[in-house]
Amino acid sequence: MRKSGQFVVPGERIGVIEEFIPDNGTYVEDGVIYAKNAGCILIDSISRKVSVYPLTKGLAYPKIRNIVIGHVAGIQGSTAFIRVIKVGKRFLSGFFTCALHVSDVDIRYTDEISNAVKVGDLVRARITSYANGMFHLTTKGEKLGVVLALCSKCGETLILKNKRNRKLYCRNCRNVETRKIASDYGSGKI
């Protein structure tokens, strides 16, 4: 049982809707009340309302439809795991991990996730949902996708060779690779 004053982080379980009425700083999923932001729990024992009040102003926490920036930390099957370092315009002091499924990469058919992103790439994506304890992303959109890629052979930064067919070129080893690139790939804007 949670108590007033207890510190929670986004996504942490607070209680169930049979116990409390969710209020500020909370959200409900499948009858369970979760913290929407980092802060302290406040329980109004008379009205049975539960809230989470942030400890700091302007704390960056993810919301559905936010644009995020992160590094591809790993690929497993048809899913890439993105370690997010920036939400909207705010850099995070830590990071959290989101999932990018191959079906959410592009409006064009993508057969394998490794044809769109590779481990180490810097990616701009939009949060589409929160399910199974994880935020899910999409890179469908002109300004979404890989904003900086490294050569999978030598580790050098890849330059854009042909925007139309998404070809990236390594000046060092002459390797050519494809990615789902953002329209401003290589501009340095994140």
C-alpha atoms as a PDB file:
ATOM      1  CA  MET A   1       0.000   0.000   0.000  1.00  0.00           C
ATOM      2  CA  ARG A   2       1.393   3.375  -1.049  1.00  0.00           C
ATOM      3  CA  LYS A   3       1.512   6.275   1.395  1.00  0.00           C
ATOM      4  CA  SER A   4       1.444  10.057   0.989  1.00  0.00           C
ATOM      5  CA  GLY A   5       4.922  11.500   0.590  1.00  0.00           C
ATOM      6  CA  GLN A   6       6.350   8.389  -1.056  1.00  0.00           C
ATOM      7  CA  PHE A   7       8.566   9.119  -4.082  1.00  0.00           C
ATOM      8  CA  VAL A   8       7.598   7.531  -7.421  1.00  0.00           C
ATOM      9  CA  VAL A   9       8.935   7.643 -10.984  1.00  0.00           C
ATOM     10  CA  PRO A  10       6.974   7.654 -14.278  1.00  0.00           C
ATOM     11  CA  GLY A  11       5.254   4.337 -14.920  1.00  0.00           C
ATOM     12  CA  GLU A  12       5.462   3.190 -11.309  1.00  0.00           C
ATOM     13  CA  ARG A  13       2.347   1.469  -9.993  1.00  0.00           C
ATOM     14  CA  ILE A  14       0.483   3.452  -7.321  1.00  0.00           C
ATOM     15  CA  GLY A  15      -2.687   1.452  -6.780  1.00  0.00           C
ATOM     16  CA  VAL A  16      -5.909   0.327  -8.445  1.00  0.00           C
ATOM     17  CA  ILE A  17      -9.097   2.187  -9.308  1.00  0.00           C
ATOM     18  CA  GLU A  18     -11.005   0.159  -6.692  1.00  0.00           C
ATOM     19  CA  GLU A  19      -8.853   1.846  -4.004  1.00  0.00           C
ATOM     20  CA  PHE A  20      -8.369   5.372  -5.360  1.00  0.00           C
ATOM     21  CA  ILE A  21      -9.686   7.910  -7.832  1.00  0.00           C
ATOM     22  CA  PRO A  22      -6.820   8.958 -10.142  1.00  0.00           C
ATOM     23  CA  ASP A  23      -6.047  12.689 -10.159  1.00  0.00           C
ATOM     24  CA  ASN A  24      -3.171  14.999 -11.255  1.00  0.00           C
ATOM     25  CA  GLY A  25       0.069  13.319 -12.310  1.00  0.00           C
ATOM     26  CA  THR A  26      -1.464   9.860 -12.751  1.00  0.00           C
ATOM     27  CA  TYR A  27      -2.856   7.702 -15.532  1.00  0.00           C
ATOM     28  CA  VAL A  28      -4.867   4.471 -15.616  1.00  0.00           C
ATOM     29  CA  GLU A  29      -4.189   1.374 -17.671  1.00  0.00           C
ATOM     30  CA  ASP A  30      -6.266  -1.806 -17.249  1.00  0.00           C
ATOM     31  CA  GLY A  31      -7.622  -0.594 -13.899  1.00  0.00           C
ATOM     32  CA  VAL A  32      -4.169   0.103 -12.466  1.00  0.00           C
ATOM     33  CA  ILE A  33      -3.116   3.647 -11.504  1.00  0.00           C
ATOM     34  CA  TYR A  34       0.432   4.642 -12.489  1.00  0.00           C
ATOM     35  CA  ALA A  35       2.576   7.724 -11.882  1.00  0.00           C
ATOM     36  CA  LYS A  36       2.722   9.998 -14.934  1.00  0.00           C
ATOM     37  CA  ASN A  37       5.687  11.961 -13.611  1.00  0.00           C
ATOM     38  CA  ALA A  38       8.420  11.708 -10.998  1.00  0.00           C
ATOM     39  CA  GLY A  39       7.360  13.152  -7.683  1.00  0.00           C
ATOM     40  CA  CYS A  40       5.608  12.489  -4.395  1.00  0.00           C
ATOM     41  CA  ILE A  41       2.298  10.743  -3.897  1.00  0.00           C
ATOM     42  CA  LEU A  42      -0.477  12.725  -2.239  1.00  0.00           C
ATOM     43  CA  ILE A  43      -3.499  10.751  -1.041  1.00  0.00           C
ATOM     44  CA  ASP A  44      -6.660  12.590  -0.038  1.00  0.00           C
ATOM     45  CA  SER A  45      -8.142  10.083   2.417  1.00  0.00           C
ATOM     46  CA  ILE A  46     -11.564  11.782   2.455  1.00  0.00           C
ATOM     47  CA  SER A  47     -12.183  11.904  -1.310  1.00  0.00           C
ATOM     48  CA  ARG A  48      -9.937   8.832  -1.953  1.00  0.00           C
ATOM     49  CA  LYS A  49      -8.107  10.756  -4.705  1.00  0.00           C
ATOM     50  CA  VAL A  50      -4.452  10.018  -5.429  1.00  0.00           C
ATOM     51  CA  SER A  51      -2.098  12.502  -7.130  1.00  0.00           C
ATOM     52  CA  VAL A  52       1.585  12.712  -7.949  1.00  0.00           C
ATOM     53  CA  TYR A  53       3.150  16.159  -7.556  1.00  0.00           C
ATOM     54  CA  PRO A  54       6.472  16.778  -9.312  1.00  0.00           C
ATOM     55  CA  LEU A  55       9.464  17.612  -7.139  1.00  0.00           C
ATOM     56  CA  THR A  56      11.070  19.781  -9.801  1.00  0.00           C
ATOM     57  CA  LYS A  57       9.666  22.175 -12.355  1.00  0.00           C
ATOM     58  CA  GLY A  58      10.019  21.333 -16.000  1.00  0.00           C
ATOM     59  CA  LEU A  59      11.002  17.703 -15.522  1.00  0.00           C
ATOM     60  CA  ALA A  60      11.129  16.024 -18.958  1.00  0.00           C
ATOM     61  CA  TYR A  61       9.011  12.914 -19.045  1.00  0.00           C
ATOM     62  CA  PRO A  62       7.607  11.186 -22.096  1.00  0.00           C
ATOM     63  CA  LYS A  63       4.046  11.506 -23.362  1.00  0.00           C
ATOM     64  CA  ILE A  64       2.265   9.993 -26.336  1.00  0.00           C
ATOM     65  CA  ARG A  65       3.043  12.044 -29.515  1.00  0.00           C
ATOM     66  CA  ASN A  66       6.305  13.471 -28.068  1.00  0.00           C
ATOM     67  CA  ILE A  67       9.310  13.530 -30.388  1.00  0.00           C
ATOM     68  CA  VAL A  68      12.323  11.791 -28.835  1.00  0.00           C
ATOM     69  CA  ILE A  69      15.991  11.368 -29.741  1.00  0.00           C
ATOM     70  CA  GLY A  70      17.933   8.251 -28.822  1.00  0.00           C
ATOM     71  CA  HIS A  71      20.604   5.729 -29.761  1.00  0.00           C
ATOM     72  CA  VAL A  72      19.801   2.262 -31.049  1.00  0.00           C
ATOM     73  CA  ALA A  73      20.962   0.122 -28.131  1.00  0.00           C
ATOM     74  CA  GLY A  74      20.039  -3.257 -29.555  1.00  0.00           C
ATOM     75  CA  ILE A  75      18.032  -5.195 -32.107  1.00  0.00           C
ATOM     76  CA  GLN A  76      16.089  -8.325 -31.344  1.00  0.00           C
ATOM     77  CA  GLY A  77      14.051 -10.018 -34.065  1.00  0.00           C
ATOM     78  CA  SER A  78      11.890  -7.361 -35.725  1.00  0.00           C
ATOM     79  CA  THR A  79      12.311  -4.763 -32.951  1.00  0.00           C
ATOM     80  CA  ALA A  80      14.985  -2.152 -32.291  1.00  0.00           C
ATOM     81  CA  PHE A  81      15.429  -0.844 -28.755  1.00  0.00           C
ATOM     82  CA  ILE A  82      16.115   2.877 -28.579  1.00  0.00           C
ATOM     83  CA  ARG A  83      17.805   4.391 -25.515  1.00  0.00           C
ATOM     84  CA  VAL A  84      16.144   7.817 -25.335  1.00  0.00           C
ATOM     85  CA  ILE A  85      18.292  10.777 -24.237  1.00  0.00           C
ATOM     86  CA  LYS A  86      16.024  13.684 -25.234  1.00  0.00           C
ATOM     87  CA  VAL A  87      12.267  14.291 -24.958  1.00  0.00           C
ATOM     88  CA  GLY A  88      11.000  17.212 -27.014  1.00  0.00           C
ATOM     89  CA  LYS A  89      13.550  19.994 -26.522  1.00  0.00           C
ATOM     90  CA  ARG A  90      14.849  18.755 -23.164  1.00  0.00           C
ATOM     91  CA  PHE A  91      17.798  16.453 -22.616  1.00  0.00           C
ATOM     92  CA  LEU A  92      17.359  13.872 -19.868  1.00  0.00           C
ATOM     93  CA  SER A  93      19.737  13.426 -16.957  1.00  0.00           C
ATOM     94  CA  GLY A  94      19.441   9.673 -17.495  1.00  0.00           C
ATOM     95  CA  PHE A  95      17.723   7.628 -20.175  1.00  0.00           C
ATOM     96  CA  PHE A  96      14.886   5.182 -20.750  1.00  0.00           C
ATOM     97  CA  THR A  97      14.373   2.558 -23.440  1.00  0.00           C
ATOM     98  CA  CYS A  98      11.626   2.427 -26.081  1.00  0.00           C
ATOM     99  CA  ALA A  99      10.753  -0.121 -28.768  1.00  0.00           C
ATOM    100  CA  LEU A 100      10.634   0.470 -32.531  1.00  0.00           C
ATOM    101  CA  HIS A 101       8.945  -2.371 -34.447  1.00  0.00           C
ATOM    102  CA  VAL A 102       9.735  -2.954 -38.120  1.00  0.00           C
ATOM    103  CA  SER A 103       6.084  -2.217 -39.024  1.00  0.00           C
ATOM    104  CA  ASP A 104       6.455   1.310 -37.564  1.00  0.00           C
ATOM    105  CA  VAL A 105       9.630   2.250 -39.448  1.00  0.00           C
ATOM    106  CA  ASP A 106       8.286   3.705 -42.698  1.00  0.00           C
ATOM    107  CA  ILE A 107       5.150   4.083 -44.809  1.00  0.00           C
ATOM    108  CA  ARG A 108       7.002   1.960 -47.365  1.00  0.00           C
ATOM    109  CA  TYR A 109       7.359  -1.755 -46.639  1.00  0.00           C
ATOM    110  CA  THR A 110      10.490  -2.591 -44.643  1.00  0.00           C
ATOM    111  CA  ASP A 111      11.318  -6.310 -44.570  1.00  0.00           C
ATOM    112  CA  GLU A 112      13.946  -6.232 -41.805  1.00  0.00           C
ATOM    113  CA  ILE A 113      14.593  -3.749 -39.009  1.00  0.00           C
ATOM    114  CA  SER A 114      18.336  -3.935 -39.744  1.00  0.00           C
ATOM    115  CA  ASN A 115      17.663  -2.356 -43.180  1.00  0.00           C
ATOM    116  CA  ALA A 116      16.306   0.742 -41.403  1.00  0.00           C
ATOM    117  CA  VAL A 117      18.438   1.158 -38.254  1.00  0.00           C
ATOM    118  CA  LYS A 118      21.592  -0.349 -36.803  1.00  0.00           C
ATOM    119  CA  VAL A 119      23.077  -0.418 -33.306  1.00  0.00           C
ATOM    120  CA  GLY A 120      24.709   2.937 -32.538  1.00  0.00           C
ATOM    121  CA  ASP A 121      22.550   5.029 -34.882  1.00  0.00           C
ATOM    122  CA  LEU A 122      21.078   8.252 -33.542  1.00  0.00           C
ATOM    123  CA  VAL A 123      17.314   8.240 -34.218  1.00  0.00           C
ATOM    124  CA  ARG A 124      14.501  10.811 -34.034  1.00  0.00           C
ATOM    125  CA  ALA A 125      11.109   9.162 -33.429  1.00  0.00           C
ATOM    126  CA  ARG A 126       7.595   9.851 -32.148  1.00  0.00           C
ATOM    127  CA  ILE A 127       6.054   8.026 -29.178  1.00  0.00           C
ATOM    128  CA  THR A 128       2.883   6.275 -30.353  1.00  0.00           C
ATOM    129  CA  SER A 129       1.805   4.264 -27.333  1.00  0.00           C
ATOM    130  CA  TYR A 130       2.644   2.781 -23.957  1.00  0.00           C
ATOM    131  CA  ALA A 131       2.033  -0.958 -23.633  1.00  0.00           C
ATOM    132  CA  ASN A 132       3.589  -3.891 -21.782  1.00  0.00           C
ATOM    133  CA  GLY A 133       5.647  -1.538 -19.610  1.00  0.00           C
ATOM    134  CA  MET A 134       7.350   0.147 -22.554  1.00  0.00           C
ATOM    135  CA  PHE A 135       6.897   3.159 -24.815  1.00  0.00           C
ATOM    136  CA  HIS A 136       6.550   2.310 -28.516  1.00  0.00           C
ATOM    137  CA  LEU A 137       7.902   4.489 -31.305  1.00  0.00           C
ATOM    138  CA  THR A 138       7.445   5.248 -34.982  1.00  0.00           C
ATOM    139  CA  THR A 139       9.815   6.763 -37.515  1.00  0.00           C
ATOM    140  CA  LYS A 140       7.064   7.183 -40.130  1.00  0.00           C
ATOM    141  CA  GLY A 141       7.352  10.796 -41.221  1.00  0.00           C
ATOM    142  CA  GLU A 142       9.685  13.100 -43.141  1.00  0.00           C
ATOM    143  CA  LYS A 143      11.639  14.499 -40.177  1.00  0.00           C
ATOM    144  CA  LEU A 144      11.714  11.143 -38.352  1.00  0.00           C
ATOM    145  CA  GLY A 145      14.330   8.436 -38.729  1.00  0.00           C
ATOM    146  CA  VAL A 146      18.091   8.130 -38.447  1.00  0.00           C
ATOM    147  CA  VAL A 147      19.763  11.537 -38.033  1.00  0.00           C
ATOM    148  CA  LEU A 148      23.318  10.180 -37.706  1.00  0.00           C
ATOM    149  CA  ALA A 149      24.667   6.736 -38.610  1.00  0.00           C
ATOM    150  CA  LEU A 150      27.980   4.990 -38.150  1.00  0.00           C
ATOM    151  CA  CYS A 151      29.536   2.556 -40.593  1.00  0.00           C
ATOM    152  CA  SER A 152      28.895  -1.013 -39.455  1.00  0.00           C
ATOM    153  CA  LYS A 153      32.346  -2.038 -40.729  1.00  0.00           C
ATOM    154  CA  CYS A 154      34.736   0.683 -39.493  1.00  0.00           C
ATOM    155  CA  GLY A 155      32.674   2.949 -37.224  1.00  0.00           C
ATOM    156  CA  GLU A 156      33.139   6.188 -39.232  1.00  0.00           C
ATOM    157  CA  THR A 157      30.232   8.592 -39.686  1.00  0.00           C
ATOM    158  CA  LEU A 158      28.246   7.800 -42.833  1.00  0.00           C
ATOM    159  CA  ILE A 159      27.499  10.579 -45.314  1.00  0.00           C
ATOM    160  CA  LEU A 160      24.374  10.810 -47.445  1.00  0.00           C
ATOM    161  CA  LYS A 161      25.097   9.576 -50.960  1.00  0.00           C
ATOM    162  CA  ASN A 162      21.609   9.288 -52.445  1.00  0.00           C
ATOM    163  CA  LYS A 163      18.626  10.652 -50.517  1.00  0.00           C
ATOM    164  CA  ARG A 164      16.005   9.038 -52.775  1.00  0.00           C
ATOM    165  CA  ASN A 165      17.159   5.455 -52.190  1.00  0.00           C
ATOM    166  CA  ARG A 166      18.528   6.142 -48.669  1.00  0.00           C
ATOM    167  CA  LYS A 167      22.130   5.206 -49.498  1.00  0.00           C
ATOM    168  CA  LEU A 168      24.756   6.219 -46.954  1.00  0.00           C
ATOM    169  CA  TYR A 169      28.443   6.119 -47.814  1.00  0.00           C
ATOM    170  CA  CYS A 170      31.574   5.653 -45.693  1.00  0.00           C
ATOM    171  CA  ARG A 171      34.505   7.791 -46.871  1.00  0.00           C
ATOM    172  CA  ASN A 172      36.940   5.618 -44.913  1.00  0.00           C
ATOM    173  CA  CYS A 173      36.177   2.078 -46.117  1.00  0.00           C
ATOM    174  CA  ARG A 174      33.803   2.871 -49.021  1.00  0.00           C
ATOM    175  CA  ASN A 175      31.028   0.779 -47.476  1.00  0.00           C
ATOM    176  CA  VAL A 176      27.477   1.637 -48.655  1.00  0.00           C
ATOM    177  CA  GLU A 177      24.517   1.094 -46.328  1.00  0.00           C
ATOM    178  CA  THR A 178      20.797   1.884 -46.229  1.00  0.00           C
ATOM    179  CA  ARG A 179      18.755   3.391 -43.385  1.00  0.00           C
ATOM    180  CA  LYS A 180      15.367   5.003 -42.818  1.00  0.00           C
ATOM    181  CA  ILE A 181      16.846   8.496 -42.720  1.00  0.00           C
ATOM    182  CA  ALA A 182      15.272  11.723 -41.500  1.00  0.00           C
ATOM    183  CA  SER A 183      14.943  14.509 -44.098  1.00  0.00           C
ATOM    184  CA  ASP A 184      17.607  16.504 -42.253  1.00  0.00           C
ATOM    185  CA  TYR A 185      20.126  13.632 -41.965  1.00  0.00           C
ATOM    186  CA  GLY A 186      23.635  14.866 -41.241  1.00  0.00           C
ATOM    187  CA  SER A 187      22.615  18.474 -40.500  1.00  0.00           C
ATOM    188  CA  GLY A 188      23.711  18.198 -36.876  1.00  0.00           C
ATOM    189  CA  LYS A 189      20.226  19.138 -35.621  1.00  0.00           C
ATOM    190  CA  ILE A 190      18.849  16.920 -32.943  1.00  0.00           C
END
